[in-house]
């Protein structure tokens, strides 16, 4: 249950040995699989768009950021057809409760499941930060991980920290590098200030 890329990957693997039902909204999919022949042509284009076009600087990126942060990203490795070939029963309803000890979807469907795997992502928890830097939507007010309202506070690993690619290796490295450079610049400035004083 949970149909972003982690949920679909798990459903695909489990379906080899067990009847599998995947519940949750369809978050979309990357057009080609990484091991397909078309990947050599299409994936570099997709990655360029994910790193340089769908960013917090563009209108399409800001829209995608909200969608990604609150509903998950698209299927990456596994595609809809892969799930169909493995016999995964795909339901778009979301789990809204329990009926007779079984998962109940928001459309009234009761899933006859012996095991349930929850792939609902994770919730960012920032309540331990006792500074006024968390917005009403629960996310820190930052730019690329740097919190201007609290000098010395940085974040790394946020979903869509700068671009759609922030959730995959080519984006994570860029995000971490940016934060590391900002920390280094801050340390150098403080050292210079101390030497002058």
N, C-alpha and C. Protein backbone atom coordinates (compact mmCIF):
# COMPACT_ATOMS: atom_id res chain seq x y z
N UNK A 1 0.84 -1.17 0.00
CA UNK A 1 0.00 0.00 0.00
C UNK A 1 0.88 1.23 0.00
N UNK A 2 0.64 2.08 -0.94
CA UNK A 2 1.50 3.21 -1.20
C UNK A 2 2.12 2.97 -2.56
N UNK A 3 1.84 3.84 -3.53
CA UNK A 3 2.15 3.50 -4.92
C UNK A 3 3.14 4.45 -5.57
N UNK A 4 4.03 5.02 -4.80
CA UNK A 4 5.12 5.76 -5.39
C UNK A 4 6.20 4.76 -5.77
N UNK A 5 7.42 5.21 -6.06
CA UNK A 5 8.41 4.26 -6.60
C UNK A 5 8.79 3.15 -5.62
N UNK A 6 8.88 3.40 -4.33
CA UNK A 6 9.22 2.32 -3.39
C UNK A 6 8.11 1.28 -3.32
N UNK A 7 6.86 1.74 -3.24
CA UNK A 7 5.74 0.81 -3.17
C UNK A 7 5.61 -0.06 -4.39
N UNK A 8 5.81 0.53 -5.56
CA UNK A 8 5.70 -0.26 -6.78
C UNK A 8 6.86 -1.24 -6.91
N UNK A 9 8.05 -0.85 -6.49
CA UNK A 9 9.19 -1.77 -6.51
C UNK A 9 8.93 -2.97 -5.62
N UNK A 10 8.43 -2.74 -4.42
CA UNK A 10 8.16 -3.83 -3.48
C UNK A 10 7.05 -4.73 -4.01
N UNK A 11 5.98 -4.14 -4.53
CA UNK A 11 4.89 -4.95 -5.09
C UNK A 11 5.39 -5.83 -6.22
N UNK A 12 6.23 -5.29 -7.05
CA UNK A 12 6.79 -6.04 -8.18
C UNK A 12 7.59 -7.25 -7.69
N UNK A 13 8.40 -7.07 -6.67
CA UNK A 13 9.22 -8.16 -6.14
C UNK A 13 8.38 -9.20 -5.41
N UNK A 14 7.44 -8.75 -4.59
CA UNK A 14 6.61 -9.67 -3.81
C UNK A 14 5.71 -10.51 -4.71
N UNK A 15 5.28 -9.96 -5.83
CA UNK A 15 4.35 -10.65 -6.73
C UNK A 15 4.95 -11.91 -7.36
N UNK A 16 6.26 -12.08 -7.28
CA UNK A 16 6.89 -13.29 -7.81
C UNK A 16 6.39 -14.52 -7.05
N UNK A 17 6.17 -14.37 -5.75
CA UNK A 17 5.81 -15.53 -4.92
C UNK A 17 4.47 -15.43 -4.23
N UNK A 18 3.82 -14.26 -4.27
CA UNK A 18 2.56 -14.07 -3.55
C UNK A 18 1.57 -13.25 -4.36
N UNK A 19 0.27 -13.59 -4.26
CA UNK A 19 -0.73 -12.71 -4.88
C UNK A 19 -0.60 -11.32 -4.25
N UNK A 20 -0.57 -10.30 -5.07
CA UNK A 20 -0.26 -8.96 -4.57
C UNK A 20 -1.27 -7.94 -5.07
N UNK A 21 -1.72 -7.10 -4.13
CA UNK A 21 -2.59 -5.98 -4.46
C UNK A 21 -1.86 -4.71 -4.08
N UNK A 22 -1.81 -3.76 -4.99
CA UNK A 22 -1.16 -2.48 -4.74
C UNK A 22 -2.24 -1.41 -4.71
N UNK A 23 -2.32 -0.70 -3.60
CA UNK A 23 -3.36 0.33 -3.42
C UNK A 23 -2.72 1.71 -3.37
N UNK A 24 -3.44 2.71 -3.81
CA UNK A 24 -2.97 4.09 -3.72
C UNK A 24 -2.98 4.77 -5.07
N UNK A 25 -2.92 6.08 -5.01
CA UNK A 25 -3.00 6.89 -6.22
C UNK A 25 -1.82 6.59 -7.14
N UNK A 26 -2.04 6.75 -8.41
CA UNK A 26 -0.99 6.56 -9.41
C UNK A 26 -0.19 7.86 -9.48
N UNK A 27 1.08 7.79 -9.10
CA UNK A 27 1.95 8.98 -9.08
C UNK A 27 2.67 9.22 -10.40
N UNK A 28 2.33 8.45 -11.42
CA UNK A 28 2.99 8.59 -12.71
C UNK A 28 4.22 7.71 -12.80
N UNK A 29 4.89 7.79 -13.94
CA UNK A 29 6.09 6.97 -14.14
C UNK A 29 7.05 7.67 -15.08
N UNK A 30 8.34 7.39 -14.88
CA UNK A 30 9.37 7.86 -15.81
C UNK A 30 9.15 7.06 -17.10
N UNK A 31 9.26 7.67 -18.27
CA UNK A 31 8.84 7.01 -19.51
C UNK A 31 9.56 5.73 -19.89
N UNK A 32 10.81 5.55 -19.48
CA UNK A 32 11.54 4.33 -19.85
C UNK A 32 12.23 3.75 -18.62
N UNK A 33 12.45 2.46 -18.65
CA UNK A 33 13.18 1.81 -17.57
C UNK A 33 14.67 1.98 -17.76
N UNK A 34 15.43 1.98 -16.66
CA UNK A 34 16.87 2.21 -16.77
C UNK A 34 17.62 1.15 -17.55
N UNK A 35 17.03 -0.05 -17.68
CA UNK A 35 17.75 -1.10 -18.41
C UNK A 35 17.26 -1.27 -19.85
N UNK A 36 16.35 -0.43 -20.29
CA UNK A 36 15.86 -0.55 -21.67
C UNK A 36 16.85 0.08 -22.65
N UNK A 37 16.75 -0.31 -23.91
CA UNK A 37 17.63 0.24 -24.94
C UNK A 37 17.42 1.74 -25.12
N UNK A 38 16.18 2.19 -24.97
CA UNK A 38 15.88 3.62 -25.14
C UNK A 38 16.45 4.46 -24.00
N UNK A 39 16.83 3.82 -22.91
CA UNK A 39 17.31 4.56 -21.75
C UNK A 39 18.54 5.40 -22.07
N UNK A 40 19.41 4.91 -22.95
CA UNK A 40 20.63 5.65 -23.28
C UNK A 40 20.32 7.02 -23.89
N UNK A 41 19.20 7.10 -24.58
CA UNK A 41 18.81 8.36 -25.21
C UNK A 41 17.88 9.16 -24.31
N UNK A 42 16.87 8.50 -23.74
CA UNK A 42 15.81 9.21 -23.01
C UNK A 42 16.25 9.62 -21.60
N UNK A 43 16.91 8.75 -20.87
CA UNK A 43 17.25 9.06 -19.47
C UNK A 43 18.16 10.28 -19.31
N UNK A 44 19.16 10.49 -20.18
CA UNK A 44 19.92 11.74 -20.03
C UNK A 44 19.05 12.99 -20.20
N UNK A 45 18.07 12.90 -21.09
CA UNK A 45 17.17 14.05 -21.28
C UNK A 45 16.29 14.22 -20.05
N UNK A 46 15.73 13.11 -19.55
CA UNK A 46 14.90 13.16 -18.34
C UNK A 46 15.72 13.71 -17.18
N UNK A 47 16.95 13.24 -17.02
CA UNK A 47 17.78 13.71 -15.91
C UNK A 47 18.14 15.19 -16.06
N UNK A 48 18.40 15.64 -17.28
CA UNK A 48 18.67 17.06 -17.49
C UNK A 48 17.46 17.89 -17.06
N UNK A 49 16.28 17.47 -17.48
CA UNK A 49 15.05 18.19 -17.12
C UNK A 49 14.86 18.16 -15.60
N UNK A 50 15.07 16.99 -14.97
CA UNK A 50 14.89 16.84 -13.53
C UNK A 50 15.89 17.67 -12.73
N UNK A 51 17.08 17.90 -13.29
CA UNK A 51 18.11 18.66 -12.57
C UNK A 51 18.06 20.17 -12.86
N UNK A 52 17.66 20.56 -14.10
CA UNK A 52 17.82 21.95 -14.50
C UNK A 52 16.52 22.68 -14.87
N UNK A 53 15.46 21.95 -15.14
CA UNK A 53 14.20 22.59 -15.54
C UNK A 53 13.17 22.52 -14.42
N UNK A 54 13.00 21.35 -13.84
CA UNK A 54 12.00 21.18 -12.78
C UNK A 54 12.70 21.50 -11.45
N UNK A 55 12.92 22.80 -11.23
CA UNK A 55 13.60 23.28 -10.04
C UNK A 55 12.72 24.28 -9.31
N UNK A 56 13.17 24.67 -8.13
CA UNK A 56 12.42 25.65 -7.35
C UNK A 56 12.44 27.03 -7.99
N UNK A 57 13.27 27.23 -9.00
CA UNK A 57 13.36 28.53 -9.68
C UNK A 57 12.30 28.68 -10.78
N UNK A 58 11.66 27.58 -11.20
CA UNK A 58 10.71 27.65 -12.31
C UNK A 58 9.28 27.40 -11.83
N UNK A 59 8.30 27.96 -12.52
CA UNK A 59 6.90 27.70 -12.13
C UNK A 59 6.54 26.22 -12.15
N UNK A 60 6.99 25.50 -13.19
CA UNK A 60 6.68 24.07 -13.25
C UNK A 60 7.37 23.33 -12.10
N UNK A 61 8.56 23.76 -11.72
CA UNK A 61 9.27 23.15 -10.61
C UNK A 61 8.59 23.39 -9.28
N UNK A 62 8.11 24.61 -9.05
CA UNK A 62 7.42 24.91 -7.79
C UNK A 62 6.13 24.10 -7.67
N UNK A 63 5.45 23.92 -8.79
CA UNK A 63 4.24 23.09 -8.77
C UNK A 63 4.61 21.62 -8.49
N UNK A 64 5.65 21.14 -9.15
CA UNK A 64 6.08 19.76 -8.94
C UNK A 64 6.59 19.54 -7.52
N UNK A 65 7.19 20.56 -6.92
CA UNK A 65 7.69 20.42 -5.55
C UNK A 65 6.55 20.11 -4.59
N UNK A 66 5.46 20.84 -4.69
CA UNK A 66 4.31 20.58 -3.81
C UNK A 66 3.78 19.17 -4.02
N UNK A 67 3.64 18.76 -5.26
CA UNK A 67 3.14 17.43 -5.56
C UNK A 67 4.07 16.35 -5.02
N UNK A 68 5.36 16.51 -5.23
CA UNK A 68 6.33 15.51 -4.80
C UNK A 68 6.44 15.45 -3.28
N UNK A 69 6.48 16.60 -2.63
CA UNK A 69 6.63 16.61 -1.17
C UNK A 69 5.41 16.03 -0.46
N UNK A 70 4.24 16.20 -1.03
CA UNK A 70 3.04 15.76 -0.31
C UNK A 70 2.41 14.49 -0.86
N UNK A 71 2.82 14.04 -2.06
CA UNK A 71 2.18 12.85 -2.64
C UNK A 71 3.16 11.83 -3.20
N UNK A 72 4.45 12.10 -3.19
CA UNK A 72 5.43 11.14 -3.68
C UNK A 72 5.81 11.36 -5.13
N UNK A 73 6.88 10.70 -5.50
CA UNK A 73 7.39 10.82 -6.86
C UNK A 73 6.92 9.69 -7.74
N UNK A 74 7.19 9.78 -9.02
CA UNK A 74 6.73 8.76 -9.97
C UNK A 74 7.51 7.45 -9.85
N UNK A 75 6.96 6.41 -10.47
CA UNK A 75 7.65 5.13 -10.53
C UNK A 75 8.92 5.31 -11.35
N UNK A 76 10.03 4.79 -10.85
CA UNK A 76 11.30 4.94 -11.55
C UNK A 76 11.67 3.67 -12.31
N UNK A 77 11.93 2.60 -11.59
CA UNK A 77 12.41 1.36 -12.21
C UNK A 77 11.25 0.53 -12.75
N UNK A 78 10.22 0.35 -11.95
CA UNK A 78 9.09 -0.50 -12.31
C UNK A 78 8.03 0.34 -13.02
N UNK A 79 7.46 -0.22 -14.06
CA UNK A 79 6.42 0.48 -14.84
C UNK A 79 5.07 -0.21 -14.65
N UNK A 80 4.01 0.46 -15.07
CA UNK A 80 2.66 -0.12 -14.96
C UNK A 80 2.59 -1.48 -15.66
N UNK A 81 3.19 -1.56 -16.84
CA UNK A 81 3.15 -2.84 -17.58
C UNK A 81 3.90 -3.94 -16.84
N UNK A 82 4.98 -3.59 -16.13
CA UNK A 82 5.71 -4.58 -15.33
C UNK A 82 4.80 -5.17 -14.25
N UNK A 83 4.06 -4.29 -13.60
CA UNK A 83 3.14 -4.74 -12.56
C UNK A 83 2.05 -5.65 -13.15
N UNK A 84 1.54 -5.26 -14.31
CA UNK A 84 0.51 -6.08 -14.97
C UNK A 84 1.06 -7.46 -15.31
N UNK A 85 2.27 -7.51 -15.85
CA UNK A 85 2.87 -8.80 -16.22
C UNK A 85 3.10 -9.70 -15.01
N UNK A 86 3.33 -9.12 -13.86
CA UNK A 86 3.52 -9.91 -12.63
C UNK A 86 2.19 -10.25 -11.96
N UNK A 87 1.09 -9.76 -12.53
CA UNK A 87 -0.22 -10.08 -11.98
C UNK A 87 -0.62 -9.26 -10.76
N UNK A 88 0.01 -8.11 -10.57
CA UNK A 88 -0.32 -7.24 -9.44
C UNK A 88 -1.70 -6.63 -9.68
N UNK A 89 -2.59 -6.80 -8.71
CA UNK A 89 -3.92 -6.20 -8.77
C UNK A 89 -3.77 -4.74 -8.35
N UNK A 90 -3.99 -3.82 -9.27
CA UNK A 90 -3.74 -2.39 -9.02
C UNK A 90 -5.04 -1.68 -8.73
N UNK A 91 -5.18 -1.15 -7.50
CA UNK A 91 -6.36 -0.40 -7.09
C UNK A 91 -5.95 1.03 -6.75
N UNK A 92 -6.74 2.00 -7.21
CA UNK A 92 -6.38 3.39 -7.01
C UNK A 92 -6.91 3.98 -5.71
N UNK A 93 -7.75 3.24 -5.01
CA UNK A 93 -8.27 3.73 -3.73
C UNK A 93 -7.18 3.77 -2.68
N UNK A 94 -7.37 4.67 -1.71
CA UNK A 94 -6.43 4.79 -0.60
C UNK A 94 -7.01 4.10 0.62
N UNK A 95 -6.16 3.54 1.44
CA UNK A 95 -6.62 2.90 2.66
C UNK A 95 -7.15 3.98 3.60
N UNK A 96 -8.41 3.79 4.03
CA UNK A 96 -9.02 4.80 4.90
C UNK A 96 -9.43 4.24 6.25
N UNK A 97 -9.29 2.93 6.41
CA UNK A 97 -9.67 2.33 7.68
C UNK A 97 -9.54 0.82 7.63
N UNK A 98 -10.26 0.17 8.54
CA UNK A 98 -10.23 -1.28 8.65
C UNK A 98 -11.66 -1.78 8.76
N UNK A 99 -11.94 -2.90 8.10
CA UNK A 99 -13.25 -3.54 8.18
C UNK A 99 -13.04 -5.03 8.42
N UNK A 100 -13.47 -5.52 9.57
CA UNK A 100 -13.29 -6.94 9.89
C UNK A 100 -11.83 -7.36 9.92
N UNK A 101 -10.96 -6.45 10.32
CA UNK A 101 -9.54 -6.76 10.38
C UNK A 101 -8.82 -6.67 9.05
N UNK A 102 -9.49 -6.21 8.02
CA UNK A 102 -8.91 -6.09 6.67
C UNK A 102 -8.85 -4.62 6.26
N UNK A 103 -7.88 -4.27 5.41
CA UNK A 103 -7.79 -2.88 4.94
C UNK A 103 -9.05 -2.46 4.17
N UNK A 104 -9.54 -1.28 4.49
CA UNK A 104 -10.72 -0.71 3.84
C UNK A 104 -10.28 0.50 3.03
N UNK A 105 -10.61 0.49 1.73
CA UNK A 105 -10.25 1.61 0.86
C UNK A 105 -11.31 2.69 0.93
N UNK A 106 -10.95 3.89 0.51
CA UNK A 106 -11.88 5.01 0.56
C UNK A 106 -13.06 4.86 -0.39
N UNK A 107 -13.00 3.90 -1.32
CA UNK A 107 -14.14 3.64 -2.21
C UNK A 107 -15.04 2.51 -1.69
N UNK A 108 -14.76 2.03 -0.47
CA UNK A 108 -15.56 0.98 0.14
C UNK A 108 -15.05 -0.44 -0.08
N UNK A 109 -14.02 -0.60 -0.91
CA UNK A 109 -13.45 -1.92 -1.17
C UNK A 109 -12.70 -2.43 0.05
N UNK A 110 -12.94 -3.70 0.41
CA UNK A 110 -12.20 -4.33 1.49
C UNK A 110 -11.21 -5.29 0.85
N UNK A 111 -9.94 -5.17 1.21
CA UNK A 111 -8.88 -6.00 0.64
C UNK A 111 -8.70 -7.24 1.52
N UNK A 112 -8.82 -8.41 0.90
CA UNK A 112 -8.61 -9.66 1.63
C UNK A 112 -7.11 -9.94 1.66
N UNK A 113 -6.43 -9.36 2.65
CA UNK A 113 -4.98 -9.45 2.72
C UNK A 113 -4.54 -10.24 3.95
N UNK A 114 -3.55 -11.11 3.77
CA UNK A 114 -2.96 -11.80 4.92
C UNK A 114 -1.79 -11.01 5.48
N UNK A 115 -1.14 -10.23 4.64
CA UNK A 115 -0.02 -9.38 5.05
C UNK A 115 -0.21 -8.01 4.44
N UNK A 116 0.23 -7.00 5.15
CA UNK A 116 0.14 -5.63 4.66
C UNK A 116 1.53 -5.00 4.76
N UNK A 117 2.00 -4.43 3.67
CA UNK A 117 3.26 -3.69 3.67
C UNK A 117 2.90 -2.23 3.41
N UNK A 118 3.22 -1.38 4.37
CA UNK A 118 2.94 0.05 4.23
C UNK A 118 4.14 0.73 3.59
N UNK A 119 3.93 1.35 2.46
CA UNK A 119 4.98 2.13 1.78
C UNK A 119 4.46 3.54 1.61
N UNK A 120 4.25 4.18 2.70
CA UNK A 120 3.64 5.50 2.66
C UNK A 120 4.68 6.61 2.74
N UNK A 121 5.91 6.27 2.43
CA UNK A 121 6.95 7.28 2.50
C UNK A 121 7.27 7.59 3.95
N UNK A 122 7.71 8.78 4.17
CA UNK A 122 8.00 9.19 5.54
C UNK A 122 7.56 10.63 5.70
N UNK A 123 7.31 10.96 6.92
CA UNK A 123 6.89 12.32 7.22
C UNK A 123 8.07 13.06 7.80
N UNK A 124 8.33 14.22 7.28
CA UNK A 124 9.38 15.05 7.84
C UNK A 124 8.93 15.50 9.23
N UNK A 125 9.76 15.36 10.21
CA UNK A 125 9.44 15.77 11.59
C UNK A 125 10.47 16.81 12.02
N UNK A 126 10.01 18.03 12.17
CA UNK A 126 10.90 19.12 12.53
C UNK A 126 10.52 19.75 13.87
N UNK A 127 9.62 19.10 14.62
CA UNK A 127 9.15 19.66 15.88
C UNK A 127 10.25 19.87 16.91
N UNK A 128 11.34 19.13 16.77
CA UNK A 128 12.44 19.27 17.72
C UNK A 128 13.26 20.54 17.50
N UNK A 129 13.05 21.21 16.38
CA UNK A 129 13.75 22.46 16.10
C UNK A 129 12.95 23.59 16.73
N UNK A 130 13.49 24.18 17.76
CA UNK A 130 12.78 25.21 18.52
C UNK A 130 13.13 26.62 18.02
N UNK A 131 12.99 26.81 16.73
CA UNK A 131 13.23 28.09 16.09
C UNK A 131 12.05 28.38 15.16
N UNK A 132 11.73 29.63 14.93
CA UNK A 132 10.60 29.95 14.04
C UNK A 132 10.97 29.84 12.56
N UNK A 133 11.32 28.62 12.13
CA UNK A 133 11.77 28.43 10.76
C UNK A 133 10.92 27.39 10.01
N UNK A 134 9.84 26.93 10.62
CA UNK A 134 8.98 25.93 10.00
C UNK A 134 7.71 26.62 9.50
N UNK A 135 7.40 26.45 8.22
CA UNK A 135 6.22 27.08 7.61
C UNK A 135 4.95 26.34 8.01
N UNK A 136 3.82 26.91 7.67
CA UNK A 136 2.53 26.31 7.98
C UNK A 136 2.35 24.93 7.35
N UNK A 137 3.04 24.68 6.23
CA UNK A 137 2.90 23.37 5.58
C UNK A 137 3.78 22.30 6.23
N UNK A 138 4.52 22.67 7.29
CA UNK A 138 5.35 21.71 8.01
C UNK A 138 6.77 21.58 7.51
N UNK A 139 7.13 22.31 6.46
CA UNK A 139 8.48 22.23 5.89
C UNK A 139 9.28 23.45 6.32
N UNK A 140 10.60 23.30 6.46
CA UNK A 140 11.42 24.45 6.86
C UNK A 140 11.46 25.52 5.77
N UNK A 141 11.56 26.75 6.21
CA UNK A 141 11.71 27.87 5.28
C UNK A 141 13.21 27.96 4.98
N UNK A 142 13.60 27.48 3.83
CA UNK A 142 15.02 27.41 3.45
C UNK A 142 15.14 27.57 1.95
N UNK A 143 16.34 27.82 1.52
CA UNK A 143 16.65 27.84 0.09
C UNK A 143 17.83 26.94 -0.13
N UNK A 144 17.58 25.82 -0.80
CA UNK A 144 18.62 24.84 -1.09
C UNK A 144 19.30 24.32 0.18
N UNK A 145 18.52 24.30 1.29
CA UNK A 145 19.01 23.77 2.54
C UNK A 145 19.57 24.81 3.49
N UNK A 146 19.68 26.05 3.04
CA UNK A 146 20.23 27.12 3.87
C UNK A 146 19.08 27.92 4.48
N UNK A 147 19.11 28.08 5.80
CA UNK A 147 18.04 28.80 6.51
C UNK A 147 18.56 30.19 6.85
N UNK A 148 18.13 31.19 6.10
CA UNK A 148 18.60 32.55 6.32
C UNK A 148 18.13 33.11 7.67
N UNK A 149 16.95 32.69 8.12
CA UNK A 149 16.41 33.20 9.38
C UNK A 149 17.13 32.67 10.61
N UNK A 150 17.94 31.63 10.44
CA UNK A 150 18.70 31.05 11.55
C UNK A 150 20.11 30.73 11.06
N UNK A 151 20.99 31.73 11.00
CA UNK A 151 22.35 31.50 10.50
C UNK A 151 23.02 30.33 11.23
N UNK A 152 23.56 29.42 10.44
CA UNK A 152 24.20 28.23 11.01
C UNK A 152 23.32 27.01 10.98
N UNK A 153 22.05 27.17 10.60
CA UNK A 153 21.14 26.02 10.48
C UNK A 153 21.04 25.65 9.01
N UNK A 154 21.31 24.39 8.72
CA UNK A 154 21.28 23.89 7.35
C UNK A 154 20.51 22.58 7.31
N UNK A 155 19.94 22.27 6.17
CA UNK A 155 19.26 21.00 5.95
C UNK A 155 19.87 20.33 4.73
N UNK A 156 19.92 19.02 4.75
CA UNK A 156 20.35 18.27 3.59
C UNK A 156 19.52 17.00 3.52
N UNK A 157 19.13 16.61 2.32
CA UNK A 157 18.32 15.41 2.15
C UNK A 157 16.84 15.67 2.09
N UNK A 158 16.44 16.93 1.96
CA UNK A 158 15.02 17.24 1.84
C UNK A 158 14.49 16.80 0.48
N UNK A 159 13.26 16.34 0.46
CA UNK A 159 12.61 16.05 -0.81
C UNK A 159 12.52 17.35 -1.58
N UNK A 160 12.94 17.33 -2.83
CA UNK A 160 12.92 18.52 -3.69
C UNK A 160 13.68 19.67 -3.04
N UNK A 161 14.86 19.36 -2.50
CA UNK A 161 15.65 20.40 -1.84
C UNK A 161 15.96 21.54 -2.81
N UNK A 162 16.29 21.19 -4.04
CA UNK A 162 16.44 22.21 -5.07
C UNK A 162 15.69 21.85 -6.34
N UNK A 163 15.68 20.57 -6.69
CA UNK A 163 15.09 20.15 -7.96
C UNK A 163 14.41 18.80 -7.79
N UNK A 164 13.69 18.42 -8.81
CA UNK A 164 13.06 17.10 -8.81
C UNK A 164 14.12 16.02 -8.62
N UNK A 165 15.32 16.24 -9.14
CA UNK A 165 16.40 15.26 -9.04
C UNK A 165 16.95 15.12 -7.63
N UNK A 166 16.51 15.94 -6.69
CA UNK A 166 17.03 15.86 -5.32
C UNK A 166 16.80 14.50 -4.68
N UNK A 167 15.87 13.72 -5.19
CA UNK A 167 15.58 12.42 -4.56
C UNK A 167 16.35 11.27 -5.20
N UNK A 168 17.24 11.56 -6.15
CA UNK A 168 18.06 10.52 -6.77
C UNK A 168 19.53 10.97 -6.72
N UNK A 169 20.44 10.01 -6.91
CA UNK A 169 21.87 10.29 -6.73
C UNK A 169 22.38 11.52 -7.48
N UNK A 170 22.04 11.73 -8.75
CA UNK A 170 22.59 12.91 -9.43
C UNK A 170 22.18 14.24 -8.79
N UNK A 171 21.06 14.26 -8.10
CA UNK A 171 20.62 15.49 -7.44
C UNK A 171 21.11 15.61 -6.02
N UNK A 172 21.21 14.48 -5.33
CA UNK A 172 21.65 14.48 -3.93
C UNK A 172 23.05 15.06 -3.80
N UNK A 173 23.95 14.65 -4.70
CA UNK A 173 25.32 15.15 -4.66
C UNK A 173 25.39 16.65 -4.83
N UNK A 174 24.63 17.16 -5.77
CA UNK A 174 24.63 18.61 -6.00
C UNK A 174 24.11 19.34 -4.77
N UNK A 175 23.02 18.84 -4.17
CA UNK A 175 22.45 19.47 -2.97
C UNK A 175 23.45 19.47 -1.82
N UNK A 176 24.08 18.31 -1.59
CA UNK A 176 25.05 18.21 -0.50
C UNK A 176 26.25 19.12 -0.74
N UNK A 177 26.70 19.20 -1.99
CA UNK A 177 27.82 20.08 -2.32
C UNK A 177 27.49 21.54 -2.06
N UNK A 178 26.28 21.95 -2.40
CA UNK A 178 25.87 23.33 -2.18
C UNK A 178 25.89 23.66 -0.69
N UNK A 179 25.29 22.76 0.12
CA UNK A 179 25.24 22.99 1.57
C UNK A 179 26.66 22.99 2.15
N UNK A 180 27.49 22.06 1.73
CA UNK A 180 28.87 22.00 2.24
C UNK A 180 29.63 23.28 1.91
N UNK A 181 29.45 23.80 0.71
CA UNK A 181 30.11 25.05 0.32
C UNK A 181 29.63 26.22 1.16
N UNK A 182 28.34 26.25 1.46
CA UNK A 182 27.80 27.33 2.29
C UNK A 182 28.31 27.24 3.73
N UNK A 183 28.43 26.01 4.25
CA UNK A 183 28.97 25.82 5.60
C UNK A 183 30.44 26.26 5.62
N UNK A 184 31.19 25.87 4.60
CA UNK A 184 32.61 26.25 4.51
C UNK A 184 32.76 27.78 4.43
N UNK A 185 31.93 28.42 3.60
CA UNK A 185 32.01 29.87 3.47
C UNK A 185 31.68 30.54 4.81
N UNK A 186 30.71 30.02 5.52
CA UNK A 186 30.35 30.58 6.83
C UNK A 186 31.51 30.42 7.81
N UNK A 187 32.13 29.23 7.82
CA UNK A 187 33.26 28.99 8.72
C UNK A 187 34.43 29.91 8.40
N UNK A 188 34.71 30.12 7.11
CA UNK A 188 35.82 31.01 6.72
C UNK A 188 35.54 32.45 7.15
N UNK A 189 34.30 32.88 6.99
CA UNK A 189 33.93 34.25 7.40
C UNK A 189 34.09 34.42 8.89
N UNK A 190 33.65 33.43 9.67
CA UNK A 190 33.77 33.52 11.12
C UNK A 190 35.23 33.51 11.55
N UNK A 191 36.04 32.69 10.87
CA UNK A 191 37.48 32.62 11.21
C UNK A 191 38.13 33.97 10.92
N UNK A 192 37.80 34.56 9.78
CA UNK A 192 38.37 35.87 9.42
C UNK A 192 37.93 36.92 10.41
N UNK A 193 36.69 36.88 10.86
CA UNK A 193 36.19 37.84 11.83
C UNK A 193 36.93 37.71 13.16
N UNK A 194 37.17 36.46 13.60
CA UNK A 194 37.89 36.23 14.83
C UNK A 194 39.33 36.73 14.76
N UNK A 195 39.96 36.54 13.59
CA UNK A 195 41.36 36.98 13.43
C UNK A 195 41.46 38.50 13.45
N UNK A 196 40.47 39.18 12.87
CA UNK A 196 40.45 40.64 12.87
C UNK A 196 40.24 41.15 14.29
N UNK A 197 39.33 40.51 15.01
CA UNK A 197 39.04 40.95 16.39
C UNK A 197 40.26 40.72 17.26
